[in-house]
PDB file of N, CA and C in Angstrom:
ATOM      1  N   MET A   1     134.165 124.317  98.593  1.00  0.00           N
ATOM      2  CA  MET A   1     133.619 123.274  97.741  1.00  0.00           C
ATOM      3  C   MET A   1     132.859 122.242  98.566  1.00  0.00           C
ATOM      4  N   LYS A   2     133.430 121.870  99.742  1.00  0.00           N
ATOM      5  CA  LYS A   2     132.751 120.884 100.584  1.00  0.00           C
ATOM      6  C   LYS A   2     131.385 121.381 101.012  1.00  0.00           C
ATOM      7  N   LYS A   3     131.275 122.679 101.328  1.00  0.00           N
ATOM      8  CA  LYS A   3     129.995 123.232 101.735  1.00  0.00           C
ATOM      9  C   LYS A   3     128.974 123.122 100.597  1.00  0.00           C
ATOM     10  N   ALA A   4     129.397 123.405  99.375  1.00  0.00           N
ATOM     11  CA  ALA A   4     128.507 123.315  98.216  1.00  0.00           C
ATOM     12  C   ALA A   4     128.046 121.876  98.003  1.00  0.00           C
ATOM     13  N   ILE A   5     128.953 120.925  98.145  1.00  0.00           N
ATOM     14  CA  ILE A   5     128.584 119.514  97.977  1.00  0.00           C
ATOM     15  C   ILE A   5     127.635 119.081  99.082  1.00  0.00           C
ATOM     16  N   GLY A   6     127.894 119.515 100.314  1.00  0.00           N
ATOM     17  CA  GLY A   6     127.008 119.184 101.430  1.00  0.00           C
ATOM     18  C   GLY A   6     125.615 119.736 101.232  1.00  0.00           C
ATOM     19  N   THR A   7     125.531 120.973 100.755  1.00  0.00           N
ATOM     20  CA  THR A   7     124.235 121.588 100.487  1.00  0.00           C
ATOM     21  C   THR A   7     123.509 120.847  99.378  1.00  0.00           C
ATOM     22  N   LEU A   8     124.226 120.479  98.338  1.00  0.00           N
ATOM     23  CA  LEU A   8     123.625 119.722  97.243  1.00  0.00           C
ATOM     24  C   LEU A   8     123.082 118.396  97.758  1.00  0.00           C
ATOM     25  N   GLY A   9     123.847 117.738  98.611  1.00  0.00           N
ATOM     26  CA  GLY A   9     123.393 116.471  99.185  1.00  0.00           C
ATOM     27  C   GLY A   9     122.115 116.629  99.979  1.00  0.00           C
ATOM     28  N   LEU A  10     122.007 117.711 100.753  1.00  0.00           N
ATOM     29  CA  LEU A  10     120.786 117.964 101.505  1.00  0.00           C
ATOM     30  C   LEU A  10     119.615 118.221 100.585  1.00  0.00           C
ATOM     31  N   LEU A  11     119.849 118.954  99.505  1.00  0.00           N
ATOM     32  CA  LEU A  11     118.768 119.208  98.554  1.00  0.00           C
ATOM     33  C   LEU A  11     118.294 117.923  97.902  1.00  0.00           C
ATOM     34  N   VAL A  12     119.227 117.056  97.557  1.00  0.00           N
ATOM     35  CA  VAL A  12     118.854 115.774  96.957  1.00  0.00           C
ATOM     36  C   VAL A  12     118.047 114.956  97.947  1.00  0.00           C
ATOM     37  N   LEU A  13     118.496 114.884  99.195  1.00  0.00           N
ATOM     38  CA  LEU A  13     117.762 114.134 100.208  1.00  0.00           C
ATOM     39  C   LEU A  13     116.400 114.744 100.480  1.00  0.00           C
ATOM     40  N   ALA A  14     116.317 116.054 100.480  1.00  0.00           N
ATOM     41  CA  ALA A  14     115.035 116.708 100.728  1.00  0.00           C
ATOM     42  C   ALA A  14     114.039 116.390  99.630  1.00  0.00           C
ATOM     43  N   GLY A  15     114.512 116.128  98.431  1.00  0.00           N
ATOM     44  CA  GLY A  15     113.625 115.808  97.321  1.00  0.00           C
ATOM     45  C   GLY A  15     113.167 114.375  97.307  1.00  0.00           C
ATOM     46  N   CYS A  16     113.775 113.524  98.091  1.00  0.00           N
ATOM     47  CA  CYS A  16     113.387 112.114  98.150  1.00  0.00           C
ATOM     48  C   CYS A  16     112.133 111.968  98.984  1.00  0.00           C
ATOM     49  N   SER A  17     111.284 111.058  98.588  1.00  0.00           N
ATOM     50  CA  SER A  17     110.058 110.823  99.329  1.00  0.00           C
ATOM     51  C   SER A  17     109.710 109.354  99.257  1.00  0.00           C
ATOM     52  N   HIS A  18     109.211 108.850 100.329  1.00  0.00           N
ATOM     53  CA  HIS A  18     108.775 107.451 100.381  1.00  0.00           C
ATOM     54  C   HIS A  18     107.278 107.384 100.595  1.00  0.00           C
ATOM     55  N   GLY A  19     106.549 108.323 100.062  1.00  0.00           N
ATOM     56  CA  GLY A  19     105.110 108.362 100.224  1.00  0.00           C
ATOM     57  C   GLY A  19     104.695 109.710 100.773  1.00  0.00           C
ATOM     58  N   PRO A  20     103.408 109.872 101.027  1.00  0.00           N
ATOM     59  CA  PRO A  20     102.903 111.153 101.495  1.00  0.00           C
ATOM     60  C   PRO A  20     103.372 111.447 102.914  1.00  0.00           C
ATOM     61  N   ASP A  21     103.458 112.736 103.237  1.00  0.00           N
ATOM     62  CA  ASP A  21     103.778 113.113 104.603  1.00  0.00           C
ATOM     63  C   ASP A  21     102.655 112.639 105.507  1.00  0.00           C
ATOM     64  N   ARG A  22     103.017 112.165 106.661  1.00  0.00           N
ATOM     65  CA  ARG A  22     101.999 111.676 107.592  1.00  0.00           C
ATOM     66  C   ARG A  22     102.101 112.414 108.909  1.00  0.00           C
ATOM     67  N   GLN A  23     100.947 112.691 109.476  1.00  0.00           N
ATOM     68  CA  GLN A  23     100.854 113.296 110.792  1.00  0.00           C
ATOM     69  C   GLN A  23      99.865 112.488 111.589  1.00  0.00           C
ATOM     70  N   ASP A  24     100.278 111.990 112.737  1.00  0.00           N
ATOM     71  CA  ASP A  24      99.414 111.179 113.590  1.00  0.00           C
ATOM     72  C   ASP A  24      98.833 109.986 112.834  1.00  0.00           C
ATOM     73  N   GLY A  25      99.615 109.385 111.938  1.00  0.00           N
ATOM     74  CA  GLY A  25      99.174 108.194 111.233  1.00  0.00           C
ATOM     75  C   GLY A  25      98.230 108.442 110.077  1.00  0.00           C
ATOM     76  N   VAL A  26      97.921 109.689 109.768  1.00  0.00           N
ATOM     77  CA  VAL A  26      96.992 109.995 108.681  1.00  0.00           C
ATOM     78  C   VAL A  26      97.748 110.760 107.602  1.00  0.00           C
ATOM     79  N   ALA A  27      97.576 110.364 106.371  1.00  0.00           N
ATOM     80  CA  ALA A  27      98.243 111.060 105.269  1.00  0.00           C
ATOM     81  C   ALA A  27      97.683 112.462 105.157  1.00  0.00           C
ATOM     82  N   SER A  28      98.562 113.425 104.982  1.00  0.00           N
ATOM     83  CA  SER A  28      98.118 114.813 104.872  1.00  0.00           C
ATOM     84  C   SER A  28      97.760 115.140 103.427  1.00  0.00           C
ATOM     85  N   ALA A  29      96.745 115.927 103.229  1.00  0.00           N
ATOM     86  CA  ALA A  29      96.295 116.473 101.956  1.00  0.00           C
ATOM     87  C   ALA A  29      95.825 115.421 100.955  1.00  0.00           C
ATOM     88  N   HIS A  30      96.493 114.303 100.827  1.00  0.00           N
ATOM     89  CA  HIS A  30      96.148 113.336  99.801  1.00  0.00           C
ATOM     90  C   HIS A  30      94.881 112.546 100.107  1.00  0.00           C
ATOM     91  N   LEU A  31      94.384 112.602 101.334  1.00  0.00           N
ATOM     92  CA  LEU A  31      93.174 111.866 101.648  1.00  0.00           C
ATOM     93  C   LEU A  31      91.938 112.501 101.026  1.00  0.00           C
ATOM     94  N   SER A  32      92.008 113.747 100.677  1.00  0.00           N
ATOM     95  CA  SER A  32      90.856 114.416 100.097  1.00  0.00           C
ATOM     96  C   SER A  32      90.822 114.182  98.581  1.00  0.00           C
ATOM     97  N   PRO A  33      89.753 113.571  98.073  1.00  0.00           N
ATOM     98  CA  PRO A  33      89.675 113.375  96.622  1.00  0.00           C
ATOM     99  C   PRO A  33      89.596 114.696  95.861  1.00  0.00           C
ATOM    100  N   GLU A  34      89.122 115.732  96.513  1.00  0.00           N
ATOM    101  CA  GLU A  34      89.005 117.029  95.862  1.00  0.00           C
ATOM    102  C   GLU A  34      90.369 117.590  95.448  1.00  0.00           C
ATOM    103  N   VAL A  35      91.426 117.219  96.158  1.00  0.00           N
ATOM    104  CA  VAL A  35      92.778 117.653  95.805  1.00  0.00           C
ATOM    105  C   VAL A  35      93.129 117.187  94.389  1.00  0.00           C
ATOM    106  N   SER A  36      92.593 116.040  93.978  1.00  0.00           N
ATOM    107  CA  SER A  36      92.850 115.501  92.639  1.00  0.00           C
ATOM    108  C   SER A  36      91.733 115.819  91.653  1.00  0.00           C
ATOM    109  N   GLY A  37      90.810 116.695  92.042  1.00  0.00           N
ATOM    110  CA  GLY A  37      89.735 117.093  91.138  1.00  0.00           C
ATOM    111  C   GLY A  37      88.529 116.172  91.148  1.00  0.00           C
ATOM    112  N   LEU A  38      88.461 115.266  92.130  1.00  0.00           N
ATOM    113  CA  LEU A  38      87.345 114.330  92.230  1.00  0.00           C
ATOM    114  C   LEU A  38      86.334 114.819  93.255  1.00  0.00           C
ATOM    115  N   VAL A  39      85.131 114.254  93.195  1.00  0.00           N
ATOM    116  CA  VAL A  39      84.068 114.608  94.133  1.00  0.00           C
ATOM    117  C   VAL A  39      83.869 113.437  95.084  1.00  0.00           C
ATOM    118  N   GLY A  40      84.286 113.604  96.333  1.00  0.00           N
ATOM    119  CA  GLY A  40      84.077 112.566  97.336  1.00  0.00           C
ATOM    120  C   GLY A  40      82.672 112.654  97.885  1.00  0.00           C
ATOM    121  N   VAL A  41      81.980 111.509  97.947  1.00  0.00           N
ATOM    122  CA  VAL A  41      80.605 111.479  98.438  1.00  0.00           C
ATOM    123  C   VAL A  41      80.559 111.000  99.885  1.00  0.00           C
ATOM    124  N   ARG A  42      81.210 109.877 100.161  1.00  0.00           N
ATOM    125  CA  ARG A  42      81.246 109.310 101.509  1.00  0.00           C
ATOM    126  C   ARG A  42      82.316 108.227 101.559  1.00  0.00           C
ATOM    127  N   PRO A  43      82.794 107.917 102.762  1.00  0.00           N
ATOM    128  CA  PRO A  43      83.772 106.824 102.886  1.00  0.00           C
ATOM    129  C   PRO A  43      83.164 105.502 102.419  1.00  0.00           C
ATOM    130  N   TYR A  44      84.028 104.611 101.932  1.00  0.00           N
ATOM    131  CA  TYR A  44      83.568 103.321 101.424  1.00  0.00           C
ATOM    132  C   TYR A  44      84.558 102.236 101.817  1.00  0.00           C
ATOM    133  N   PRO A  45      84.128 101.089 102.269  1.00  0.00           N
ATOM    134  CA  PRO A  45      82.739 100.698 102.512  1.00  0.00           C
ATOM    135  C   PRO A  45      82.205 101.128 103.868  1.00  0.00           C
ATOM    136  N   ASN A  46      83.080 101.513 104.786  1.00  0.00           N
ATOM    137  CA  ASN A  46      82.662 101.912 106.133  1.00  0.00           C
ATOM    138  C   ASN A  46      83.109 103.343 106.422  1.00  0.00           C
ATOM    139  N   ALA A  47      82.527 103.938 107.435  1.00  0.00           N
ATOM    140  CA  ALA A  47      82.781 105.342 107.768  1.00  0.00           C
ATOM    141  C   ALA A  47      84.245 105.639 108.083  1.00  0.00           C
ATOM    142  N   ASP A  48      85.015 104.644 108.521  1.00  0.00           N
ATOM    143  CA  ASP A  48      86.413 104.892 108.886  1.00  0.00           C
ATOM    144  C   ASP A  48      87.405 104.444 107.812  1.00  0.00           C
ATOM    145  N   ASP A  49      86.930 104.109 106.612  1.00  0.00           N
ATOM    146  CA  ASP A  49      87.808 103.667 105.527  1.00  0.00           C
ATOM    147  C   ASP A  49      88.359 104.841 104.735  1.00  0.00           C
ATOM    148  N   VAL A  50      89.530 104.635 104.110  1.00  0.00           N
ATOM    149  CA  VAL A  50      90.172 105.695 103.327  1.00  0.00           C
ATOM    150  C   VAL A  50      89.588 105.830 101.930  1.00  0.00           C
ATOM    151  N   CYS A  51      88.974 104.796 101.422  1.00  0.00           N
ATOM    152  CA  CYS A  51      88.350 104.870 100.094  1.00  0.00           C
ATOM    153  C   CYS A  51      87.057 105.671 100.192  1.00  0.00           C
ATOM    154  N   GLN A  52      86.628 106.185  99.051  1.00  0.00           N
ATOM    155  CA  GLN A  52      85.420 107.009  98.996  1.00  0.00           C
ATOM    156  C   GLN A  52      84.564 106.611  97.805  1.00  0.00           C
ATOM    157  N   VAL A  53      83.256 106.744  97.968  1.00  0.00           N
ATOM    158  CA  VAL A  53      82.374 106.727  96.808  1.00  0.00           C
ATOM    159  C   VAL A  53      82.652 108.042  96.100  1.00  0.00           C
ATOM    160  N   ILE A  54      82.838 107.985  94.797  1.00  0.00           N
ATOM    161  CA  ILE A  54      83.175 109.169  94.006  1.00  0.00           C
ATOM    162  C   ILE A  54      81.973 109.572  93.159  1.00  0.00           C
ATOM    163  N   GLY A  55      81.661 110.853  93.202  1.00  0.00           N
ATOM    164  CA  GLY A  55      80.535 111.382  92.454  1.00  0.00           C
ATOM    165  C   GLY A  55      80.914 111.780  91.038  1.00  0.00           C
ATOM    166  N   GLU A  56      79.913 112.197  90.311  1.00  0.00           N
ATOM    167  CA  GLU A  56      80.102 112.537  88.896  1.00  0.00           C
ATOM    168  C   GLU A  56      80.657 113.940  88.717  1.00  0.00           C
ATOM    169  N   ASN A  57      81.618 114.050  87.835  1.00  0.00           N
ATOM    170  CA  ASN A  57      82.087 115.331  87.313  1.00  0.00           C
ATOM    171  C   ASN A  57      82.738 115.046  85.961  1.00  0.00           C
ATOM    172  N   ALA A  58      83.361 116.036  85.372  1.00  0.00           N
ATOM    173  CA  ALA A  58      83.947 115.858  84.042  1.00  0.00           C
ATOM    174  C   ALA A  58      85.011 114.760  84.002  1.00  0.00           C
ATOM    175  N   LEU A  59      85.726 114.548  85.111  1.00  0.00           N
ATOM    176  CA  LEU A  59      86.775 113.525  85.142  1.00  0.00           C
ATOM    177  C   LEU A  59      86.237 112.104  85.273  1.00  0.00           C
ATOM    178  N   THR A  60      85.034 111.951  85.789  1.00  0.00           N
ATOM    179  CA  THR A  60      84.518 110.609  86.095  1.00  0.00           C
ATOM    180  C   THR A  60      83.308 110.197  85.265  1.00  0.00           C
ATOM    181  N   ARG A  61      82.716 111.119  84.555  1.00  0.00           N
ATOM    182  CA  ARG A  61      81.451 110.874  83.846  1.00  0.00           C
ATOM    183  C   ARG A  61      81.495 109.606  82.981  1.00  0.00           C
ATOM    184  N   ARG A  62      82.606 109.375  82.297  1.00  0.00           N
ATOM    185  CA  ARG A  62      82.681 108.223  81.383  1.00  0.00           C
ATOM    186  C   ARG A  62      82.675 106.873  82.114  1.00  0.00           C
ATOM    187  N   HIS A  63      82.947 106.902  83.423  1.00  0.00           N
ATOM    188  CA  HIS A  63      83.010 105.653  84.181  1.00  0.00           C
ATOM    189  C   HIS A  63      81.713 105.314  84.910  1.00  0.00           C
ATOM    190  N   LEU A  64      80.752 106.228  84.903  1.00  0.00           N
ATOM    191  CA  LEU A  64      79.535 106.020  85.679  1.00  0.00           C
ATOM    192  C   LEU A  64      78.425 105.426  84.836  1.00  0.00           C
ATOM    193  N   ASP A  65      77.737 104.464  85.427  1.00  0.00           N
ATOM    194  CA  ASP A  65      76.510 103.931  84.834  1.00  0.00           C
ATOM    195  C   ASP A  65      75.620 103.426  85.962  1.00  0.00           C
ATOM    196  N   HIS A  66      74.425 102.999  85.640  1.00  0.00           N
ATOM    197  CA  HIS A  66      73.453 102.607  86.659  1.00  0.00           C
ATOM    198  C   HIS A  66      73.716 101.216  87.259  1.00  0.00           C
ATOM    199  N   THR A  67      74.705 100.493  86.762  1.00  0.00           N
ATOM    200  CA  THR A  67      74.950  99.132  87.247  1.00  0.00           C
ATOM    201  C   THR A  67      76.147  99.027  88.191  1.00  0.00           C
ATOM    202  N   SER A  68      76.833 100.152  88.418  1.00  0.00           N
ATOM    203  CA  SER A  68      78.029 100.078  89.252  1.00  0.00           C
ATOM    204  C   SER A  68      78.194 101.333  90.105  1.00  0.00           C
ATOM    205  N   ILE A  69      79.088 101.225  91.060  1.00  0.00           N
ATOM    206  CA  ILE A  69      79.435 102.338  91.924  1.00  0.00           C
ATOM    207  C   ILE A  69      80.903 102.683  91.654  1.00  0.00           C
ATOM    208  N   LEU A  70      81.202 103.961  91.628  1.00  0.00           N
ATOM    209  CA  LEU A  70      82.570 104.405  91.406  1.00  0.00           C
ATOM    210  C   LEU A  70      83.217 104.640  92.764  1.00  0.00           C
ATOM    211  N   ILE A  71      84.367 104.017  92.966  1.00  0.00           N
ATOM    212  CA  ILE A  71      85.103 104.102  94.227  1.00  0.00           C
ATOM    213  C   ILE A  71      86.469 104.690  93.930  1.00  0.00           C
ATOM    214  N   GLY A  72      86.943 105.533  94.819  1.00  0.00           N
ATOM    215  CA  GLY A  72      88.297 106.057  94.718  1.00  0.00           C
ATOM    216  C   GLY A  72      89.059 105.753  95.990  1.00  0.00           C
ATOM    217  N   CYS A  73      90.313 105.358  95.835  1.00  0.00           N
ATOM    218  CA  CYS A  73      91.192 105.115  96.976  1.00  0.00           C
ATOM    219  C   CYS A  73      92.493 105.874  96.738  1.00  0.00           C
ATOM    220  N   PRO A  74      93.089 106.440  97.801  1.00  0.00           N
ATOM    221  CA  PRO A  74      94.404 107.050  97.607  1.00  0.00           C
ATOM    222  C   PRO A  74      95.341 106.019  96.985  1.00  0.00           C
ATOM    223  N   ARG A  75      96.049 106.378  95.938  1.00  0.00           N
ATOM    224  CA  ARG A  75      96.809 105.377  95.180  1.00  0.00           C
ATOM    225  C   ARG A  75      97.953 104.760  95.959  1.00  0.00           C
ATOM    226  N   TYR A  76      98.420 105.393  97.027  1.00  0.00           N
ATOM    227  CA  TYR A  76      99.468 104.803  97.862  1.00  0.00           C
ATOM    228  C   TYR A  76      98.897 103.821  98.885  1.00  0.00           C
ATOM    229  N   GLU A  77      97.581 103.688  98.956  1.00  0.00           N
ATOM    230  CA  GLU A  77      96.934 102.755  99.882  1.00  0.00           C
ATOM    231  C   GLU A  77      96.725 101.415  99.182  1.00  0.00           C
ATOM    232  N   ALA A  78      97.825 100.724  98.909  1.00  0.00           N
ATOM    233  CA  ALA A  78      97.784  99.464  98.160  1.00  0.00           C
ATOM    234  C   ALA A  78      96.901  98.430  98.840  1.00  0.00           C
ATOM    235  N   GLY A  79      96.902  98.385 100.152  1.00  0.00           N
ATOM    236  CA  GLY A  79      96.080  97.411 100.872  1.00  0.00           C
ATOM    237  C   GLY A  79      94.599  97.658 100.670  1.00  0.00           C
ATOM    238  N   ALA A  80      94.183  98.927 100.731  1.00  0.00           N
ATOM    239  CA  ALA A  80      92.774  99.268 100.530  1.00  0.00           C
ATOM    240  C   ALA A  80      92.348  98.954  99.098  1.00  0.00           C
ATOM    241  N   ILE A  81      93.214  99.257  98.136  1.00  0.00           N
ATOM    242  CA  ILE A  81      92.907  98.958  96.734  1.00  0.00           C
ATOM    243  C   ILE A  81      92.799  97.449  96.540  1.00  0.00           C
ATOM    244  N   ALA A  82      93.724  96.692  97.117  1.00  0.00           N
ATOM    245  CA  ALA A  82      93.686  95.234  97.012  1.00  0.00           C
ATOM    246  C   ALA A  82      92.410  94.677  97.649  1.00  0.00           C
ATOM    247  N   ASP A  83      91.977  95.263  98.756  1.00  0.00           N
ATOM    248  CA  ASP A  83      90.730  94.813  99.393  1.00  0.00           C
ATOM    249  C   ASP A  83      89.540  95.037  98.473  1.00  0.00           C
ATOM    250  N   ARG A  84      89.477  96.197  97.819  1.00  0.00           N
ATOM    251  CA  ARG A  84      88.356  96.478  96.903  1.00  0.00           C
ATOM    252  C   ARG A  84      88.380  95.511  95.718  1.00  0.00           C
ATOM    253  N   VAL A  85      89.570  95.232  95.186  1.00  0.00           N
ATOM    254  CA  VAL A  85      89.686  94.282  94.068  1.00  0.00           C
ATOM    255  C   VAL A  85      89.265  92.888  94.529  1.00  0.00           C
ATOM    256  N   ALA A  86      89.669  92.483  95.724  1.00  0.00           N
ATOM    257  CA  ALA A  86      89.282  91.171  96.256  1.00  0.00           C
ATOM    258  C   ALA A  86      87.764  91.071  96.418  1.00  0.00           C
ATOM    259  N   GLU A  87      87.116  92.197  96.633  1.00  0.00           N
ATOM    260  CA  GLU A  87      85.649  92.233  96.756  1.00  0.00           C
ATOM    261  C   GLU A  87      84.961  92.267  95.390  1.00  0.00           C
ATOM    262  N   GLY A  88      85.743  92.328  94.306  1.00  0.00           N
ATOM    263  CA  GLY A  88      85.175  92.292  92.969  1.00  0.00           C
ATOM    264  C   GLY A  88      85.286  93.579  92.168  1.00  0.00           C
ATOM    265  N   ALA A  89      85.854  94.628  92.741  1.00  0.00           N
ATOM    266  CA  ALA A  89      85.995  95.881  92.005  1.00  0.00           C
ATOM    267  C   ALA A  89      87.075  95.748  90.934  1.00  0.00           C
ATOM    268  N   VAL A  90      86.968  96.572  89.908  1.00  0.00           N
ATOM    269  CA  VAL A  90      87.920  96.589  88.798  1.00  0.00           C
ATOM    270  C   VAL A  90      88.614  97.948  88.784  1.00  0.00           C
ATOM    271  N   VAL A  91      89.940  97.945  88.710  1.00  0.00           N
ATOM    272  CA  VAL A  91      90.704  99.195  88.635  1.00  0.00           C
ATOM    273  C   VAL A  91      90.481  99.821  87.262  1.00  0.00           C
ATOM    274  N   LEU A  92      90.146 101.115  87.259  1.00  0.00           N
ATOM    275  CA  LEU A  92      89.886 101.844  86.018  1.00  0.00           C
ATOM    276  C   LEU A  92      91.066 102.702  85.597  1.00  0.00           C
ATOM    277  N   GLU A  93      91.494 103.610  86.466  1.00  0.00           N
ATOM    278  CA  GLU A  93      92.594 104.523  86.143  1.00  0.00           C
ATOM    279  C   GLU A  93      93.002 105.287  87.384  1.00  0.00           C
ATOM    280  N   ASP A  94      94.167 105.927  87.308  1.00  0.00           N
ATOM    281  CA  ASP A  94      94.620 106.851  88.339  1.00  0.00           C
ATOM    282  C   ASP A  94      94.305 108.262  87.881  1.00  0.00           C
ATOM    283  N   ILE A  95      93.756 109.043  88.807  1.00  0.00           N
ATOM    284  CA  ILE A  95      93.538 110.458  88.575  1.00  0.00           C
ATOM    285  C   ILE A  95      94.195 111.180  89.737  1.00  0.00           C
ATOM    286  N   GLY A  96      95.246 111.906  89.440  1.00  0.00           N
ATOM    287  CA  GLY A  96      95.992 112.577  90.497  1.00  0.00           C
ATOM    288  C   GLY A  96      96.516 111.561  91.489  1.00  0.00           C
ATOM    289  N   GLU A  97      96.212 111.768  92.745  1.00  0.00           N
ATOM    290  CA  GLU A  97      96.679 110.890  93.821  1.00  0.00           C
ATOM    291  C   GLU A  97      95.701 109.765  94.134  1.00  0.00           C
ATOM    292  N   TRP A  98      94.692 109.575  93.305  1.00  0.00           N
ATOM    293  CA  TRP A  98      93.635 108.600  93.575  1.00  0.00           C
ATOM    294  C   TRP A  98      93.538 107.552  92.484  1.00  0.00           C
ATOM    295  N   THR A  99      93.198 106.328  92.874  1.00  0.00           N
ATOM    296  CA  THR A  99      92.926 105.236  91.943  1.00  0.00           C
ATOM    297  C   THR A  99      91.423 105.033  91.911  1.00  0.00           C
ATOM    298  N   LEU A 100      90.847 105.054  90.718  1.00  0.00           N
ATOM    299  CA  LEU A 100      89.414 104.821  90.556  1.00  0.00           C
ATOM    300  C   LEU A 100      89.153 103.352  90.287  1.00  0.00           C
ATOM    301  N   LEU A 101      88.094 102.845  90.917  1.00  0.00           N
ATOM    302  CA  LEU A 101      87.660 101.467  90.735  1.00  0.00           C
ATOM    303  C   LEU A 101      86.172 101.449  90.499  1.00  0.00           C
ATOM    304  N   SER A 102      85.696 100.440  89.819  1.00  0.00           N
ATOM    305  CA  SER A 102      84.285 100.266  89.572  1.00  0.00           C
ATOM    306  C   SER A 102      83.837  98.978  90.238  1.00  0.00           C
ATOM    307  N   ALA A 103      82.733  99.049  90.983  1.00  0.00           N
ATOM    308  CA  ALA A 103      82.193  97.864  91.644  1.00  0.00           C
ATOM    309  C   ALA A 103      80.727  97.708  91.242  1.00  0.00           C
ATOM    310  N   ARG A 104      80.359  96.513  90.866  1.00  0.00           N
ATOM    311  CA  ARG A 104      78.970  96.236  90.490  1.00  0.00           C
ATOM    312  C   ARG A 104      78.064  96.377  91.714  1.00  0.00           C
ATOM    313  N   LEU A 105      76.886  96.924  91.473  1.00  0.00           N
ATOM    314  CA  LEU A 105      75.891  97.070  92.556  1.00  0.00           C
ATOM    315  C   LEU A 105      75.240  95.746  92.867  1.00  0.00           C
TER     316      LEU A 105
END
């Protein structure tokens, strides 16, 4: 019985997560917007940022217009999302592992 309880405890612990798996300080798999069905165009606002300009597809079409840029940030990157909001972006919705924001051009 003790062995069964110990195994159950390990399974419960194995199912716990405090965010994405990280290797060398970079989140694995979740950094790619394509994993969530989005089209990543380029990093935003700088080449080394985790947020991306997001292109048009069926999931994003309703959010695009000629007066704004669509930005996506991994949803666990609260600091990056807060920075975009502080710059004037508006949070639209979460799609998969990404948070979409709209920023006026």
